[in-house]
Amino acid sequence: MNIFEYAMQMEKDGEAYYRELAAKTPHKGIQHIFEMLADAEVIHYNIFRGMQKREQVTLPDSASLTGVKNIFTRLKEEGQQGVDASQADLYHKAQDIEVKSRDFYLEKSGESTDDREKAILKKIASEEQKHYLILENIIDFVSGPSTWLEDPEWYHLEEY
């Protein structure tokens, strides 16, 4: 299996896992976040498929994730904090997947001799890190105190 086939399988698995998480949570806002993450994995899959075919590909901005903080703000305003804490282990598993993906793409970017390929791999690794941070905020949201949104760690979501 070459790098592209492996990456495509990781992205396909990630998409399936996020769709499974979306189906398991009864909260529409969190469902929407998982669906956005799944859609981002589909974009990554298509990029790797294009790279495998030696097509000219570009990685679009992750604009689809811009509303994540707004979703959390709305859930807080609706008083839906501390929900689904029992699923925190599933969210931690998703974080582990994101870390493995990020590390794999960074490793392969270091091995690549193609500057364009290297840049795309680094950008996707950066997006996987953002996914990790979103999951961290979901975990904090479902299991954290009522003041979690005011936490200064939210700064990293404003990059979207």
Protein backbone atom coordinates (compact mmCIF):
# COMPACT_ATOMS: atom_id res chain seq x y z
CA MET A 1 0.00 0.00 0.00
CA ASN A 2 1.48 3.36 -1.00
CA ILE A 3 1.24 6.60 0.96
CA PHE A 4 -1.84 7.78 -0.92
CA GLU A 5 -3.77 4.54 -0.49
CA TYR A 6 -2.89 4.52 3.20
CA ALA A 7 -3.87 8.17 3.64
CA MET A 8 -7.13 7.64 1.75
CA GLN A 9 -7.99 4.71 4.01
CA MET A 10 -7.23 6.78 7.13
CA GLU A 11 -9.47 9.57 5.88
CA LYS A 12 -12.24 7.14 4.95
CA ASP A 13 -12.03 5.55 8.42
CA GLY A 14 -12.08 9.01 10.02
CA GLU A 15 -15.17 9.99 8.06
CA ALA A 16 -16.97 6.80 9.09
CA TYR A 17 -16.06 7.32 12.74
CA TYR A 18 -17.28 10.92 12.78
CA ARG A 19 -20.55 9.91 11.12
CA GLU A 20 -20.94 7.18 13.77
CA LEU A 21 -20.34 9.74 16.53
CA ALA A 22 -22.87 12.10 14.93
CA ALA A 23 -25.44 9.32 14.91
CA LYS A 24 -24.81 8.53 18.58
CA THR A 25 -25.28 12.00 20.00
CA PRO A 26 -28.79 13.36 20.48
CA HIS A 27 -27.61 16.99 20.48
CA LYS A 28 -28.02 18.67 17.12
CA GLY A 29 -25.14 21.11 17.59
CA ILE A 30 -22.61 18.42 18.42
CA GLN A 31 -24.03 16.25 15.62
CA HIS A 32 -23.41 19.13 13.23
CA ILE A 33 -19.79 19.47 14.38
CA PHE A 34 -19.16 15.76 13.80
CA GLU A 35 -20.77 16.00 10.38
CA MET A 36 -18.49 18.94 9.52
CA LEU A 37 -15.47 16.93 10.66
CA ALA A 38 -16.61 13.98 8.54
CA ASP A 39 -17.01 16.27 5.53
CA ALA A 40 -13.49 17.61 6.09
CA GLU A 41 -12.18 14.04 6.01
CA VAL A 42 -13.95 13.52 2.66
CA ILE A 43 -12.15 16.58 1.30
CA HIS A 44 -8.83 15.14 2.47
CA TYR A 45 -9.69 11.79 0.87
CA ASN A 46 -10.40 13.47 -2.45
CA ILE A 47 -7.13 15.41 -2.28
CA PHE A 48 -5.14 12.23 -1.74
CA ARG A 49 -7.02 10.50 -4.55
CA GLY A 50 -6.12 13.39 -6.83
CA MET A 51 -2.49 13.30 -5.71
CA GLN A 52 -2.38 9.57 -6.39
CA LYS A 53 -3.62 10.20 -9.93
CA ARG A 54 -1.02 12.98 -10.29
CA GLU A 55 -3.77 15.55 -10.78
CA GLN A 56 -3.28 19.18 -9.92
CA VAL A 57 -4.91 19.48 -6.47
CA THR A 58 -5.31 22.28 -4.00
CA LEU A 59 -6.41 22.08 -0.41
CA PRO A 60 -9.32 24.46 0.17
CA ASP A 61 -9.45 26.56 3.30
CA SER A 62 -11.22 24.86 6.19
CA ALA A 63 -14.02 27.42 6.07
CA SER A 64 -16.59 24.69 6.70
CA LEU A 65 -15.45 24.60 10.33
CA THR A 66 -15.81 28.34 10.97
CA GLY A 67 -19.04 27.97 12.91
CA VAL A 68 -17.80 25.52 15.54
CA LYS A 69 -17.37 28.10 18.31
CA ASN A 70 -20.80 29.56 17.51
CA ILE A 71 -22.37 26.13 17.92
CA PHE A 72 -20.78 25.76 21.35
CA THR A 73 -21.89 29.26 22.32
CA ARG A 74 -25.47 28.44 21.32
CA LEU A 75 -25.42 25.16 23.27
CA LYS A 76 -24.17 27.00 26.33
CA GLU A 77 -26.90 29.62 25.99
CA GLU A 78 -29.46 26.83 25.73
CA GLY A 79 -28.08 25.31 28.93
CA GLN A 80 -26.92 22.10 27.28
CA GLN A 81 -23.60 21.78 29.10
CA GLY A 82 -22.44 18.54 30.62
CA VAL A 83 -24.28 16.48 28.02
CA ASP A 84 -23.09 13.10 26.78
CA ALA A 85 -20.19 12.86 29.23
CA SER A 86 -20.48 9.10 28.91
CA GLN A 87 -19.25 9.41 25.32
CA ALA A 88 -16.03 11.21 26.28
CA ASP A 89 -14.05 8.00 25.69
CA LEU A 90 -15.30 7.91 22.10
CA TYR A 91 -14.16 11.50 21.64
CA HIS A 92 -10.74 10.66 23.12
CA LYS A 93 -10.47 7.81 20.59
CA ALA A 94 -11.19 10.30 17.82
CA GLN A 95 -8.43 12.53 19.20
CA ASP A 96 -6.02 9.60 19.07
CA ILE A 97 -6.94 9.06 15.42
CA GLU A 98 -6.30 12.73 14.66
CA VAL A 99 -2.88 12.62 16.37
CA LYS A 100 -1.88 9.53 14.38
CA SER A 101 -3.04 11.14 11.15
CA ARG A 102 -1.23 14.40 11.92
CA ASP A 103 1.99 12.61 12.79
CA PHE A 104 1.81 10.40 9.70
CA TYR A 105 1.33 13.37 7.39
CA LEU A 106 4.16 15.31 9.03
CA GLU A 107 6.45 12.29 8.71
CA LYS A 108 5.58 11.82 5.04
CA SER A 109 5.99 15.53 4.33
CA GLY A 110 9.55 15.21 5.66
CA GLU A 111 10.19 12.29 3.32
CA SER A 112 8.69 13.91 0.23
CA THR A 113 10.94 15.40 -2.41
CA ASP A 114 8.05 17.19 -4.13
CA ASP A 115 7.60 20.69 -2.67
CA ARG A 116 3.90 20.85 -3.59
CA GLU A 117 3.17 17.45 -2.08
CA LYS A 118 5.14 18.41 1.02
CA ALA A 119 3.10 21.61 1.43
CA ILE A 120 -0.22 19.78 1.05
CA LEU A 121 0.80 17.11 3.58
CA LYS A 122 1.81 19.80 6.07
CA LYS A 123 -1.45 21.68 5.56
CA ILE A 124 -3.53 18.54 6.07
CA ALA A 125 -1.48 17.76 9.20
CA SER A 126 -2.36 21.24 10.46
CA GLU A 127 -6.04 20.60 9.80
CA GLU A 128 -5.85 17.31 11.69
CA GLN A 129 -4.41 19.26 14.63
CA LYS A 130 -7.38 21.66 14.44
CA HIS A 131 -9.73 18.66 14.47
CA TYR A 132 -7.94 17.44 17.60
CA LEU A 133 -8.52 20.80 19.27
CA ILE A 134 -12.20 20.81 18.30
CA LEU A 135 -12.54 17.38 19.89
CA GLU A 136 -10.76 18.65 22.98
CA ASN A 137 -13.34 21.40 23.25
CA ILE A 138 -16.18 18.90 22.80
CA ILE A 139 -14.72 16.83 25.64
CA ASP A 140 -14.40 19.92 27.81
CA PHE A 141 -17.94 20.92 26.90
CA VAL A 142 -19.55 17.61 27.77
CA SER A 143 -17.58 17.01 30.93
CA GLY A 144 -16.31 20.42 32.01
CA PRO A 145 -17.49 23.21 34.27
CA SER A 146 -20.03 25.78 33.19
CA THR A 147 -17.30 28.37 32.55
CA TRP A 148 -15.46 26.32 29.95
CA LEU A 149 -16.32 28.64 27.05
CA GLU A 150 -14.58 31.57 28.69
CA ASP A 151 -11.39 29.51 28.87
CA PRO A 152 -8.57 31.34 27.08
CA GLU A 153 -7.70 28.11 25.25
CA TRP A 154 -10.54 28.90 22.82
CA TYR A 155 -8.14 31.18 20.95
CA HIS A 156 -7.09 28.37 18.59
CA LEU A 157 -10.53 28.08 17.01
CA GLU A 158 -10.43 31.64 15.74
CA GLU A 159 -7.92 30.55 13.07
CA TYR A 160 -10.80 29.05 11.11
